[in-house]
């Protein structure tokens, strides 16, 4: 039983590397289904990096716009055939990060006591 696990892992690794060498995978790497989402990842990465920054710099209008943008393109990525799961993951991440930023914006501007924050 213990010797079977390395053989299963070896078979999996061999199939994985064979798929990487396939023409279909090379075609995928050269398609907009791959490079479009890769280019889009800059937005959620920036939003995630901004989560620790001071909430006074958050733009409520831009956060709302990016949240709606990601919601629309999440749906698009799911409905387009073939499904673009890389694009879906990008916009899901951005939607989540923008939602966090939106909650921070609302908390800072409408729910918290500003006199305590300035001390």
PDB file of N, CA and C in Angstrom:
ATOM      1  N   UNK A   1       0.822  -1.183   0.000  1.00  0.00           N
ATOM      2  CA  UNK A   1       0.000   0.000   0.000  1.00  0.00           C
ATOM      3  C   UNK A   1       0.870   1.252   0.000  1.00  0.00           C
ATOM      4  N   UNK A   2       1.923   1.270   0.809  1.00  0.00           N
ATOM      5  CA  UNK A   2       2.789   2.443   0.906  1.00  0.00           C
ATOM      6  C   UNK A   2       3.547   2.680  -0.396  1.00  0.00           C
ATOM      7  N   UNK A   3       3.846   1.620  -1.130  1.00  0.00           N
ATOM      8  CA  UNK A   3       4.576   1.775  -2.391  1.00  0.00           C
ATOM      9  C   UNK A   3       3.667   2.254  -3.517  1.00  0.00           C
ATOM     10  N   UNK A   4       2.373   2.118  -3.349  1.00  0.00           N
ATOM     11  CA  UNK A   4       1.425   2.534  -4.381  1.00  0.00           C
ATOM     12  C   UNK A   4       1.355   4.067  -4.474  1.00  0.00           C
ATOM     13  N   UNK A   5       1.485   4.765  -3.352  1.00  0.00           N
ATOM     14  CA  UNK A   5       1.375   6.225  -3.330  1.00  0.00           C
ATOM     15  C   UNK A   5       2.416   6.893  -4.220  1.00  0.00           C
ATOM     16  N   UNK A   6       3.711   6.513  -4.155  1.00  0.00           N
ATOM     17  CA  UNK A   6       4.674   7.151  -5.061  1.00  0.00           C
ATOM     18  C   UNK A   6       4.374   6.885  -6.536  1.00  0.00           C
ATOM     19  N   UNK A   7       3.832   5.701  -6.842  1.00  0.00           N
ATOM     20  CA  UNK A   7       3.512   5.374  -8.225  1.00  0.00           C
ATOM     21  C   UNK A   7       2.350   6.243  -8.719  1.00  0.00           C
ATOM     22  N   UNK A   8       1.343   6.464  -7.856  1.00  0.00           N
ATOM     23  CA  UNK A   8       0.205   7.316  -8.203  1.00  0.00           C
ATOM     24  C   UNK A   8       0.697   8.757  -8.429  1.00  0.00           C
ATOM     25  N   UNK A   9       1.563   9.228  -7.546  1.00  0.00           N
ATOM     26  CA  UNK A   9       2.108  10.582  -7.686  1.00  0.00           C
ATOM     27  C   UNK A   9       2.931  10.709  -8.962  1.00  0.00           C
ATOM     28  N   UNK A  10       3.689   9.686  -9.270  1.00  0.00           N
ATOM     29  CA  UNK A  10       4.501   9.704 -10.486  1.00  0.00           C
ATOM     30  C   UNK A  10       3.615   9.729 -11.727  1.00  0.00           C
ATOM     31  N   UNK A  11       2.548   8.932 -11.734  1.00  0.00           N
ATOM     32  CA  UNK A  11       1.621   8.928 -12.871  1.00  0.00           C
ATOM     33  C   UNK A  11       0.944  10.287 -13.026  1.00  0.00           C
ATOM     34  N   UNK A  12       0.537  10.873 -11.888  1.00  0.00           N
ATOM     35  CA  UNK A  12      -0.093  12.193 -11.924  1.00  0.00           C
ATOM     36  C   UNK A  12       0.873  13.231 -12.477  1.00  0.00           C
ATOM     37  N   UNK A  13       2.111  13.212 -11.999  1.00  0.00           N
ATOM     38  CA  UNK A  13       3.111  14.181 -12.463  1.00  0.00           C
ATOM     39  C   UNK A  13       3.385  14.008 -13.951  1.00  0.00           C
ATOM     40  N   UNK A  14       3.464  12.773 -14.409  1.00  0.00           N
ATOM     41  CA  UNK A  14       3.725  12.518 -15.827  1.00  0.00           C
ATOM     42  C   UNK A  14       2.569  13.022 -16.696  1.00  0.00           C
ATOM     43  N   UNK A  15       1.333  12.770 -16.279  1.00  0.00           N
ATOM     44  CA  UNK A  15       0.174  13.268 -17.027  1.00  0.00           C
ATOM     45  C   UNK A  15       0.135  14.787 -17.023  1.00  0.00           C
ATOM     46  N   UNK A  16       0.459  15.381 -15.874  1.00  0.00           N
ATOM     47  CA  UNK A  16       0.466  16.837 -15.765  1.00  0.00           C
ATOM     48  C   UNK A  16       1.485  17.447 -16.734  1.00  0.00           C
ATOM     49  N   UNK A  17       2.701  16.924 -16.755  1.00  0.00           N
ATOM     50  CA  UNK A  17       3.732  17.473 -17.644  1.00  0.00           C
ATOM     51  C   UNK A  17       3.428  17.196 -19.106  1.00  0.00           C
ATOM     52  N   UNK A  18       2.792  16.072 -19.398  1.00  0.00           N
ATOM     53  CA  UNK A  18       2.373  15.804 -20.780  1.00  0.00           C
ATOM     54  C   UNK A  18       1.323  16.809 -21.227  1.00  0.00           C
ATOM     55  N   UNK A  19       0.403  17.165 -20.318  1.00  0.00           N
ATOM     56  CA  UNK A  19      -0.595  18.184 -20.650  1.00  0.00           C
ATOM     57  C   UNK A  19       0.057  19.542 -20.888  1.00  0.00           C
ATOM     58  N   UNK A  20       1.081  19.871 -20.099  1.00  0.00           N
ATOM     59  CA  UNK A  20       1.781  21.143 -20.288  1.00  0.00           C
ATOM     60  C   UNK A  20       2.461  21.219 -21.655  1.00  0.00           C
ATOM     61  N   UNK A  21       2.906  20.080 -22.161  1.00  0.00           N
ATOM     62  CA  UNK A  21       3.587  20.051 -23.455  1.00  0.00           C
ATOM     63  C   UNK A  21       2.624  19.966 -24.641  1.00  0.00           C
ATOM     64  N   UNK A  22       1.344  19.818 -24.382  1.00  0.00           N
ATOM     65  CA  UNK A  22       0.382  19.598 -25.465  1.00  0.00           C
ATOM     66  C   UNK A  22       0.128  20.871 -26.272  1.00  0.00           C
ATOM     67  N   UNK A  23      -0.298  20.694 -27.496  1.00  0.00           N
ATOM     68  CA  UNK A  23      -0.630  21.812 -28.367  1.00  0.00           C
ATOM     69  C   UNK A  23      -1.816  22.593 -27.812  1.00  0.00           C
ATOM     70  N   UNK A  24      -2.772  21.915 -27.223  1.00  0.00           N
ATOM     71  CA  UNK A  24      -3.937  22.585 -26.649  1.00  0.00           C
ATOM     72  C   UNK A  24      -3.540  23.558 -25.544  1.00  0.00           C
ATOM     73  N   UNK A  25      -2.605  23.129 -24.694  1.00  0.00           N
ATOM     74  CA  UNK A  25      -2.157  24.006 -23.616  1.00  0.00           C
ATOM     75  C   UNK A  25      -1.381  25.197 -24.171  1.00  0.00           C
ATOM     76  N   UNK A  26      -0.531  24.958 -25.147  1.00  0.00           N
ATOM     77  CA  UNK A  26       0.208  26.080 -25.780  1.00  0.00           C
ATOM     78  C   UNK A  26      -0.768  27.045 -26.436  1.00  0.00           C
ATOM     79  N   UNK A  27      -1.807  26.523 -27.078  1.00  0.00           N
ATOM     80  CA  UNK A  27      -2.830  27.394 -27.680  1.00  0.00           C
ATOM     81  C   UNK A  27      -3.548  28.212 -26.608  1.00  0.00           C
ATOM     82  N   UNK A  28      -3.824  27.574 -25.468  1.00  0.00           N
ATOM     83  CA  UNK A  28      -4.471  28.282 -24.367  1.00  0.00           C
ATOM     84  C   UNK A  28      -3.577  29.417 -23.855  1.00  0.00           C
ATOM     85  N   UNK A  29      -2.291  29.149 -23.728  1.00  0.00           N
ATOM     86  CA  UNK A  29      -1.364  30.183 -23.255  1.00  0.00           C
ATOM     87  C   UNK A  29      -1.273  31.372 -24.218  1.00  0.00           C
ATOM     88  N   UNK A  30      -1.588  31.151 -25.468  1.00  0.00           N
ATOM     89  CA  UNK A  30      -1.517  32.229 -26.456  1.00  0.00           C
ATOM     90  C   UNK A  30      -2.887  32.845 -26.746  1.00  0.00           C
ATOM     91  N   UNK A  31      -3.874  32.547 -25.916  1.00  0.00           N
ATOM     92  CA  UNK A  31      -5.226  33.039 -26.175  1.00  0.00           C
ATOM     93  C   UNK A  31      -5.598  34.184 -25.236  1.00  0.00           C
ATOM     94  N   UNK A  32      -6.663  34.872 -25.585  1.00  0.00           N
ATOM     95  CA  UNK A  32      -7.176  35.932 -24.718  1.00  0.00           C
ATOM     96  C   UNK A  32      -7.858  35.350 -23.480  1.00  0.00           C
ATOM     97  N   UNK A  33      -8.211  34.062 -23.513  1.00  0.00           N
ATOM     98  CA  UNK A  33      -8.781  33.418 -22.330  1.00  0.00           C
ATOM     99  C   UNK A  33      -7.746  33.312 -21.225  1.00  0.00           C
ATOM    100  N   UNK A  34      -6.465  33.394 -21.575  1.00  0.00           N
ATOM    101  CA  UNK A  34      -5.409  33.356 -20.579  1.00  0.00           C
ATOM    102  C   UNK A  34      -4.874  34.756 -20.279  1.00  0.00           C
ATOM    103  N   UNK A  35      -4.491  35.508 -21.310  1.00  0.00           N
ATOM    104  CA  UNK A  35      -3.834  36.804 -21.100  1.00  0.00           C
ATOM    105  C   UNK A  35      -4.783  37.901 -20.626  1.00  0.00           C
ATOM    106  N   UNK A  36      -6.057  37.834 -20.979  1.00  0.00           N
ATOM    107  CA  UNK A  36      -7.020  38.824 -20.481  1.00  0.00           C
ATOM    108  C   UNK A  36      -7.117  38.792 -18.962  1.00  0.00           C
ATOM    109  N   UNK A  37      -7.386  37.624 -18.370  1.00  0.00           N
ATOM    110  CA  UNK A  37      -7.434  37.562 -16.913  1.00  0.00           C
ATOM    111  C   UNK A  37      -6.093  37.878 -16.245  1.00  0.00           C
ATOM    112  N   UNK A  38      -5.000  37.459 -16.864  1.00  0.00           N
ATOM    113  CA  UNK A  38      -3.688  37.753 -16.274  1.00  0.00           C
ATOM    114  C   UNK A  38      -3.495  39.263 -16.182  1.00  0.00           C
ATOM    115  N   UNK A  39      -3.862  39.987 -17.229  1.00  0.00           N
ATOM    116  CA  UNK A  39      -3.752  41.448 -17.212  1.00  0.00           C
ATOM    117  C   UNK A  39      -4.696  42.058 -16.180  1.00  0.00           C
ATOM    118  N   UNK A  40      -5.856  41.454 -15.987  1.00  0.00           N
ATOM    119  CA  UNK A  40      -6.844  41.962 -15.024  1.00  0.00           C
ATOM    120  C   UNK A  40      -6.429  41.758 -13.572  1.00  0.00           C
ATOM    121  N   UNK A  41      -5.526  40.841 -13.288  1.00  0.00           N
ATOM    122  CA  UNK A  41      -5.156  40.552 -11.903  1.00  0.00           C
ATOM    123  C   UNK A  41      -4.521  41.754 -11.205  1.00  0.00           C
ATOM    124  N   UNK A  42      -4.091  42.762 -11.940  1.00  0.00           N
ATOM    125  CA  UNK A  42      -3.518  43.953 -11.310  1.00  0.00           C
ATOM    126  C   UNK A  42      -4.511  44.660 -10.403  1.00  0.00           C
ATOM    127  N   UNK A  43      -5.784  44.669 -10.792  1.00  0.00           N
ATOM    128  CA  UNK A  43      -6.813  45.366  -9.997  1.00  0.00           C
ATOM    129  C   UNK A  43      -7.028  44.690  -8.643  1.00  0.00           C
ATOM    130  N   UNK A  44      -7.297  43.387  -8.575  1.00  0.00           N
ATOM    131  CA  UNK A  44      -7.486  42.792  -7.249  1.00  0.00           C
ATOM    132  C   UNK A  44      -6.217  42.778  -6.403  1.00  0.00           C
ATOM    133  N   UNK A  45      -5.059  42.657  -7.040  1.00  0.00           N
ATOM    134  CA  UNK A  45      -3.811  42.687  -6.271  1.00  0.00           C
ATOM    135  C   UNK A  45      -3.648  44.053  -5.611  1.00  0.00           C
ATOM    136  N   UNK A  46      -3.945  45.126  -6.356  1.00  0.00           N
ATOM    137  CA  UNK A  46      -3.863  46.468  -5.782  1.00  0.00           C
ATOM    138  C   UNK A  46      -4.885  46.645  -4.658  1.00  0.00           C
ATOM    139  N   UNK A  47      -6.100  46.132  -4.851  1.00  0.00           N
ATOM    140  CA  UNK A  47      -7.132  46.243  -3.817  1.00  0.00           C
ATOM    141  C   UNK A  47      -6.719  45.484  -2.558  1.00  0.00           C
ATOM    142  N   UNK A  48      -6.142  44.310  -2.722  1.00  0.00           N
ATOM    143  CA  UNK A  48      -5.690  43.541  -1.567  1.00  0.00           C
ATOM    144  C   UNK A  48      -4.551  44.254  -0.841  1.00  0.00           C
ATOM    145  N   UNK A  49      -3.663  44.884  -1.602  1.00  0.00           N
ATOM    146  CA  UNK A  49      -2.558  45.630  -0.987  1.00  0.00           C
ATOM    147  C   UNK A  49      -3.069  46.843  -0.219  1.00  0.00           C
ATOM    148  N   UNK A  50      -4.173  47.432  -0.664  1.00  0.00           N
ATOM    149  CA  UNK A  50      -4.718  48.632  -0.021  1.00  0.00           C
ATOM    150  C   UNK A  50      -5.531  48.347   1.237  1.00  0.00           C
ATOM    151  N   UNK A  51      -5.816  47.088   1.520  1.00  0.00           N
ATOM    152  CA  UNK A  51      -6.673  46.749   2.656  1.00  0.00           C
ATOM    153  C   UNK A  51      -6.069  47.197   3.989  1.00  0.00           C
ATOM    154  N   UNK A  52      -4.765  47.238   4.089  1.00  0.00           N
ATOM    155  CA  UNK A  52      -4.120  47.645   5.340  1.00  0.00           C
ATOM    156  C   UNK A  52      -3.863  49.155   5.414  1.00  0.00           C
ATOM    157  N   UNK A  53      -4.140  49.874   4.348  1.00  0.00           N
ATOM    158  CA  UNK A  53      -3.896  51.316   4.345  1.00  0.00           C
ATOM    159  C   UNK A  53      -5.016  52.052   5.062  1.00  0.00           C
ATOM    160  N   UNK A  54      -4.744  53.303   5.404  1.00  0.00           N
ATOM    161  CA  UNK A  54      -5.701  54.140   6.126  1.00  0.00           C
ATOM    162  C   UNK A  54      -6.990  54.285   5.317  1.00  0.00           C
ATOM    163  N   UNK A  55      -8.161  54.036   5.924  1.00  0.00           N
ATOM    164  CA  UNK A  55      -9.425  54.090   5.187  1.00  0.00           C
ATOM    165  C   UNK A  55      -9.828  55.494   4.731  1.00  0.00           C
ATOM    166  N   UNK A  56      -9.169  56.526   5.225  1.00  0.00           N
ATOM    167  CA  UNK A  56      -9.535  57.878   4.787  1.00  0.00           C
ATOM    168  C   UNK A  56      -9.197  58.112   3.312  1.00  0.00           C
ATOM    169  N   UNK A  57      -8.364  57.255   2.736  1.00  0.00           N
ATOM    170  CA  UNK A  57      -7.989  57.399   1.335  1.00  0.00           C
ATOM    171  C   UNK A  57      -8.894  56.628   0.380  1.00  0.00           C
ATOM    172  N   UNK A  58      -9.848  55.867   0.890  1.00  0.00           N
ATOM    173  CA  UNK A  58     -10.722  55.045   0.046  1.00  0.00           C
ATOM    174  C   UNK A  58     -11.745  55.937  -0.648  1.00  0.00           C
ATOM    175  N   UNK A  59     -11.878  55.749  -1.953  1.00  0.00           N
ATOM    176  CA  UNK A  59     -12.911  56.454  -2.723  1.00  0.00           C
ATOM    177  C   UNK A  59     -14.152  55.566  -2.766  1.00  0.00           C
ATOM    178  N   UNK A  60     -15.229  56.051  -2.189  1.00  0.00           N
ATOM    179  CA  UNK A  60     -16.470  55.280  -2.176  1.00  0.00           C
ATOM    180  C   UNK A  60     -17.021  55.047  -3.567  1.00  0.00           C
ATOM    181  N   UNK A  61     -16.963  56.072  -4.420  1.00  0.00           N
ATOM    182  CA  UNK A  61     -17.494  55.947  -5.787  1.00  0.00           C
ATOM    183  C   UNK A  61     -16.685  54.940  -6.600  1.00  0.00           C
ATOM    184  N   UNK A  62     -15.369  54.998  -6.481  1.00  0.00           N
ATOM    185  CA  UNK A  62     -14.529  54.072  -7.242  1.00  0.00           C
ATOM    186  C   UNK A  62     -14.682  52.646  -6.720  1.00  0.00           C
ATOM    187  N   UNK A  63     -14.800  52.498  -5.420  1.00  0.00           N
ATOM    188  CA  UNK A  63     -14.993  51.177  -4.834  1.00  0.00           C
ATOM    189  C   UNK A  63     -16.313  50.574  -5.314  1.00  0.00           C
ATOM    190  N   UNK A  64     -17.365  51.370  -5.321  1.00  0.00           N
ATOM    191  CA  UNK A  64     -18.655  50.894  -5.822  1.00  0.00           C
ATOM    192  C   UNK A  64     -18.560  50.522  -7.294  1.00  0.00           C
ATOM    193  N   UNK A  65     -17.911  51.366  -8.088  1.00  0.00           N
ATOM    194  CA  UNK A  65     -17.775  51.088  -9.520  1.00  0.00           C
ATOM    195  C   UNK A  65     -17.008  49.788  -9.755  1.00  0.00           C
ATOM    196  N   UNK A  66     -15.915  49.577  -9.035  1.00  0.00           N
ATOM    197  CA  UNK A  66     -15.128  48.353  -9.219  1.00  0.00           C
ATOM    198  C   UNK A  66     -15.857  47.119  -8.700  1.00  0.00           C
ATOM    199  N   UNK A  67     -16.677  47.286  -7.675  1.00  0.00           N
ATOM    200  CA  UNK A  67     -17.477  46.161  -7.178  1.00  0.00           C
ATOM    201  C   UNK A  67     -18.501  45.738  -8.226  1.00  0.00           C
ATOM    202  N   UNK A  68     -19.204  46.715  -8.788  1.00  0.00           N
ATOM    203  CA  UNK A  68     -20.198  46.412  -9.826  1.00  0.00           C
ATOM    204  C   UNK A  68     -19.534  45.849 -11.084  1.00  0.00           C
ATOM    205  N   UNK A  69     -18.400  46.418 -11.467  1.00  0.00           N
ATOM    206  CA  UNK A  69     -17.633  45.937 -12.624  1.00  0.00           C
ATOM    207  C   UNK A  69     -17.277  44.464 -12.447  1.00  0.00           C
ATOM    208  N   UNK A  70     -16.778  44.120 -11.266  1.00  0.00           N
ATOM    209  CA  UNK A  70     -16.394  42.726 -11.031  1.00  0.00           C
ATOM    210  C   UNK A  70     -17.602  41.801 -10.990  1.00  0.00           C
ATOM    211  N   UNK A  71     -18.720  42.283 -10.454  1.00  0.00           N
ATOM    212  CA  UNK A  71     -19.931  41.451 -10.432  1.00  0.00           C
ATOM    213  C   UNK A  71     -20.397  41.134 -11.848  1.00  0.00           C
ATOM    214  N   UNK A  72     -20.381  42.145 -12.707  1.00  0.00           N
ATOM    215  CA  UNK A  72     -20.808  41.946 -14.100  1.00  0.00           C
ATOM    216  C   UNK A  72     -19.873  40.971 -14.810  1.00  0.00           C
ATOM    217  N   UNK A  73     -18.557  41.165 -14.649  1.00  0.00           N
ATOM    218  CA  UNK A  73     -17.623  40.305 -15.375  1.00  0.00           C
ATOM    219  C   UNK A  73     -17.475  38.928 -14.752  1.00  0.00           C
ATOM    220  N   UNK A  74     -17.818  38.778 -13.471  1.00  0.00           N
ATOM    221  CA  UNK A  74     -17.886  37.433 -12.890  1.00  0.00           C
ATOM    222  C   UNK A  74     -18.976  36.639 -13.605  1.00  0.00           C
ATOM    223  N   UNK A  75     -20.119  37.275 -13.787  1.00  0.00           N
ATOM    224  CA  UNK A  75     -21.225  36.611 -14.474  1.00  0.00           C
ATOM    225  C   UNK A  75     -20.846  36.292 -15.919  1.00  0.00           C
ATOM    226  N   UNK A  76     -20.196  37.256 -16.592  1.00  0.00           N
ATOM    227  CA  UNK A  76     -19.757  37.037 -17.968  1.00  0.00           C
ATOM    228  C   UNK A  76     -18.811  35.840 -18.046  1.00  0.00           C
ATOM    229  N   UNK A  77     -17.818  35.800 -17.146  1.00  0.00           N
ATOM    230  CA  UNK A  77     -16.832  34.719 -17.165  1.00  0.00           C
ATOM    231  C   UNK A  77     -17.487  33.369 -16.931  1.00  0.00           C
ATOM    232  N   UNK A  78     -18.577  33.355 -16.170  1.00  0.00           N
ATOM    233  CA  UNK A  78     -19.286  32.100 -15.903  1.00  0.00           C
ATOM    234  C   UNK A  78     -20.150  31.685 -17.090  1.00  0.00           C
ATOM    235  N   UNK A  79     -20.761  32.665 -17.766  1.00  0.00           N
ATOM    236  CA  UNK A  79     -21.701  32.356 -18.850  1.00  0.00           C
ATOM    237  C   UNK A  79     -21.029  32.105 -20.198  1.00  0.00           C
ATOM    238  N   UNK A  80     -19.876  32.719 -20.442  1.00  0.00           N
ATOM    239  CA  UNK A  80     -19.206  32.560 -21.729  1.00  0.00           C
ATOM    240  C   UNK A  80     -18.818  31.089 -21.919  1.00  0.00           C
ATOM    241  N   UNK A  81     -18.869  30.639 -23.152  1.00  0.00           N
ATOM    242  CA  UNK A  81     -18.505  29.255 -23.450  1.00  0.00           C
ATOM    243  C   UNK A  81     -17.265  29.223 -24.327  1.00  0.00           C
ATOM    244  N   UNK A  82     -16.228  28.534 -23.985  1.00  0.00           N
ATOM    245  CA  UNK A  82     -16.065  27.771 -22.750  1.00  0.00           C
ATOM    246  C   UNK A  82     -15.895  28.705 -21.557  1.00  0.00           C
ATOM    247  N   UNK A  83     -16.290  28.242 -20.385  1.00  0.00           N
ATOM    248  CA  UNK A  83     -16.185  29.053 -19.163  1.00  0.00           C
ATOM    249  C   UNK A  83     -14.748  29.477 -18.946  1.00  0.00           C
ATOM    250  N   UNK A  84     -14.594  30.724 -18.546  1.00  0.00           N
ATOM    251  CA  UNK A  84     -13.261  31.234 -18.255  1.00  0.00           C
ATOM    252  C   UNK A  84     -13.105  31.338 -16.741  1.00  0.00           C
ATOM    253  N   UNK A  85     -12.644  30.267 -16.142  1.00  0.00           N
ATOM    254  CA  UNK A  85     -12.536  30.205 -14.685  1.00  0.00           C
ATOM    255  C   UNK A  85     -11.413  31.086 -14.155  1.00  0.00           C
ATOM    256  N   UNK A  86     -10.391  31.332 -14.959  1.00  0.00           N
ATOM    257  CA  UNK A  86      -9.320  32.241 -14.546  1.00  0.00           C
ATOM    258  C   UNK A  86      -9.854  33.667 -14.425  1.00  0.00           C
ATOM    259  N   UNK A  87     -10.674  34.078 -15.376  1.00  0.00           N
ATOM    260  CA  UNK A  87     -11.299  35.396 -15.319  1.00  0.00           C
ATOM    261  C   UNK A  87     -12.297  35.465 -14.163  1.00  0.00           C
ATOM    262  N   UNK A  88     -13.039  34.390 -13.962  1.00  0.00           N
ATOM    263  CA  UNK A  88     -13.986  34.340 -12.843  1.00  0.00           C
ATOM    264  C   UNK A  88     -13.255  34.498 -11.511  1.00  0.00           C
ATOM    265  N   UNK A  89     -12.156  33.782 -11.333  1.00  0.00           N
ATOM    266  CA  UNK A  89     -11.387  33.862 -10.090  1.00  0.00           C
ATOM    267  C   UNK A  89     -10.844  35.270  -9.871  1.00  0.00           C
ATOM    268  N   UNK A  90     -10.384  35.900 -10.935  1.00  0.00           N
ATOM    269  CA  UNK A  90      -9.871  37.262 -10.852  1.00  0.00           C
ATOM    270  C   UNK A  90     -10.960  38.208 -10.358  1.00  0.00           C
ATOM    271  N   UNK A  91     -12.128  38.153 -10.965  1.00  0.00           N
ATOM    272  CA  UNK A  91     -13.199  39.066 -10.596  1.00  0.00           C
ATOM    273  C   UNK A  91     -13.842  38.693  -9.251  1.00  0.00           C
ATOM    274  N   UNK A  92     -13.857  37.432  -8.895  1.00  0.00           N
ATOM    275  CA  UNK A  92     -14.335  37.040  -7.574  1.00  0.00           C
ATOM    276  C   UNK A  92     -13.420  37.615  -6.492  1.00  0.00           C
ATOM    277  N   UNK A  93     -12.115  37.516  -6.728  1.00  0.00           N
ATOM    278  CA  UNK A  93     -11.144  38.084  -5.788  1.00  0.00           C
ATOM    279  C   UNK A  93     -11.318  39.595  -5.686  1.00  0.00           C
ATOM    280  N   UNK A  94     -11.474  40.255  -6.841  1.00  0.00           N
ATOM    281  CA  UNK A  94     -11.646  41.700  -6.838  1.00  0.00           C
ATOM    282  C   UNK A  94     -12.959  42.096  -6.158  1.00  0.00           C
ATOM    283  N   UNK A  95     -14.024  41.367  -6.443  1.00  0.00           N
ATOM    284  CA  UNK A  95     -15.318  41.639  -5.816  1.00  0.00           C
ATOM    285  C   UNK A  95     -15.199  41.548  -4.296  1.00  0.00           C
ATOM    286  N   UNK A  96     -14.513  40.529  -3.826  1.00  0.00           N
ATOM    287  CA  UNK A  96     -14.323  40.348  -2.384  1.00  0.00           C
ATOM    288  C   UNK A  96     -13.474  41.464  -1.789  1.00  0.00           C
ATOM    289  N   UNK A  97     -12.374  41.804  -2.455  1.00  0.00           N
ATOM    290  CA  UNK A  97     -11.494  42.861  -1.954  1.00  0.00           C
ATOM    291  C   UNK A  97     -12.202  44.217  -1.972  1.00  0.00           C
ATOM    292  N   UNK A  98     -12.953  44.496  -3.033  1.00  0.00           N
ATOM    293  CA  UNK A  98     -13.678  45.772  -3.104  1.00  0.00           C
ATOM    294  C   UNK A  98     -14.798  45.807  -2.064  1.00  0.00           C
ATOM    295  N   UNK A  99     -15.421  44.669  -1.805  1.00  0.00           N
ATOM    296  CA  UNK A  99     -16.431  44.610  -0.750  1.00  0.00           C
ATOM    297  C   UNK A  99     -15.837  44.928   0.614  1.00  0.00           C
ATOM    298  N   UNK A 100     -14.651  44.408   0.860  1.00  0.00           N
ATOM    299  CA  UNK A 100     -13.939  44.722   2.100  1.00  0.00           C
ATOM    300  C   UNK A 100     -13.626  46.209   2.175  1.00  0.00           C
ATOM    301  N   UNK A 101     -13.139  46.760   1.057  1.00  0.00           N
ATOM    302  CA  UNK A 101     -12.833  48.195   1.017  1.00  0.00           C
ATOM    303  C   UNK A 101     -14.106  49.020   1.219  1.00  0.00           C
ATOM    304  N   UNK A 102     -15.205  48.587   0.624  1.00  0.00           N
ATOM    305  CA  UNK A 102     -16.471  49.290   0.779  1.00  0.00           C
ATOM    306  C   UNK A 102     -16.935  49.287   2.230  1.00  0.00           C
ATOM    307  N   UNK A 103     -16.790  48.152   2.899  1.00  0.00           N
ATOM    308  CA  UNK A 103     -17.159  48.065   4.316  1.00  0.00           C
ATOM    309  C   UNK A 103     -16.272  48.974   5.151  1.00  0.00           C
ATOM    310  N   UNK A 104     -14.994  49.026   4.831  1.00  0.00           N
ATOM    311  CA  UNK A 104     -14.075  49.919   5.553  1.00  0.00           C
ATOM    312  C   UNK A 104     -14.456  51.377   5.316  1.00  0.00           C
ATOM    313  N   UNK A 105     -14.820  51.711   4.073  1.00  0.00           N
ATOM    314  CA  UNK A 105     -15.237  53.077   3.730  1.00  0.00           C
ATOM    315  C   UNK A 105     -16.473  53.490   4.534  1.00  0.00           C
ATOM    316  N   UNK A 106     -17.478  52.625   4.544  1.00  0.00           N
ATOM    317  CA  UNK A 106     -18.722  52.919   5.274  1.00  0.00           C
ATOM    318  C   UNK A 106     -18.448  53.033   6.769  1.00  0.00           C
ATOM    319  N   UNK A 107     -17.659  52.114   7.288  1.00  0.00           N
ATOM    320  CA  UNK A 107     -17.328  52.151   8.713  1.00  0.00           C
ATOM    321  C   UNK A 107     -16.608  53.452   9.069  1.00  0.00           C
ATOM    322  N   UNK A 108     -15.632  53.839   8.284  1.00  0.00           N
ATOM    323  CA  UNK A 108     -14.844  55.038   8.574  1.00  0.00           C
ATOM    324  C   UNK A 108     -15.671  56.312   8.423  1.00  0.00           C
ATOM    325  N   UNK A 109     -16.441  56.413   7.345  1.00  0.00           N
ATOM    326  CA  UNK A 109     -17.137  57.662   7.043  1.00  0.00           C
ATOM    327  C   UNK A 109     -18.501  57.813   7.709  1.00  0.00           C
ATOM    328  N   UNK A 110     -19.168  56.709   8.024  1.00  0.00           N
ATOM    329  CA  UNK A 110     -20.536  56.812   8.512  1.00  0.00           C
ATOM    330  C   UNK A 110     -20.795  56.174   9.878  1.00  0.00           C
ATOM    331  N   UNK A 111     -19.984  55.231  10.294  1.00  0.00           N
ATOM    332  CA  UNK A 111     -20.278  54.498  11.521  1.00  0.00           C
ATOM    333  C   UNK A 111     -19.355  54.808  12.674  1.00  0.00           C
ATOM    334  N   UNK A 112     -18.162  55.297  12.390  1.00  0.00           N
ATOM    335  CA  UNK A 112     -17.194  55.509  13.465  1.00  0.00           C
ATOM    336  C   UNK A 112     -17.206  56.954  13.943  1.00  0.00           C
ATOM    337  N   UNK A 113     -16.696  57.149  15.139  1.00  0.00           N
ATOM    338  CA  UNK A 113     -16.617  58.479  15.740  1.00  0.00           C
ATOM    339  C   UNK A 113     -15.309  59.127  15.280  1.00  0.00           C
ATOM    340  N   UNK A 114     -15.408  60.154  14.454  1.00  0.00           N
ATOM    341  CA  UNK A 114     -14.223  60.807  13.891  1.00  0.00           C
ATOM    342  C   UNK A 114     -13.373  61.493  14.955  1.00  0.00           C
ATOM    343  N   UNK A 115     -13.969  61.963  16.035  1.00  0.00           N
ATOM    344  CA  UNK A 115     -13.191  62.658  17.075  1.00  0.00           C
ATOM    345  C   UNK A 115     -12.200  61.704  17.749  1.00  0.00           C
ATOM    346  N   UNK A 116     -12.569  60.421  17.877  1.00  0.00           N
ATOM    347  CA  UNK A 116     -11.668  59.441  18.464  1.00  0.00           C
ATOM    348  C   UNK A 116     -10.540  59.069  17.490  1.00  0.00           C
ATOM    349  N   UNK A 117     -10.821  59.089  16.179  1.00  0.00           N
ATOM    350  CA  UNK A 117      -9.826  58.693  15.185  1.00  0.00           C
ATOM    351  C   UNK A 117      -8.736  59.735  15.032  1.00  0.00           C
ATOM    352  N   UNK A 118      -9.028  61.010  15.243  1.00  0.00           N
ATOM    353  CA  UNK A 118      -8.042  62.053  15.031  1.00  0.00           C
ATOM    354  C   UNK A 118      -7.047  62.162  16.184  1.00  0.00           C
ATOM    355  N   UNK A 119      -7.299  61.460  17.309  1.00  0.00           N
ATOM    356  CA  UNK A 119      -6.383  61.528  18.460  1.00  0.00           C
ATOM    357  C   UNK A 119      -5.206  60.633  18.304  1.00  0.00           C
TER     358      UNK A 119
END
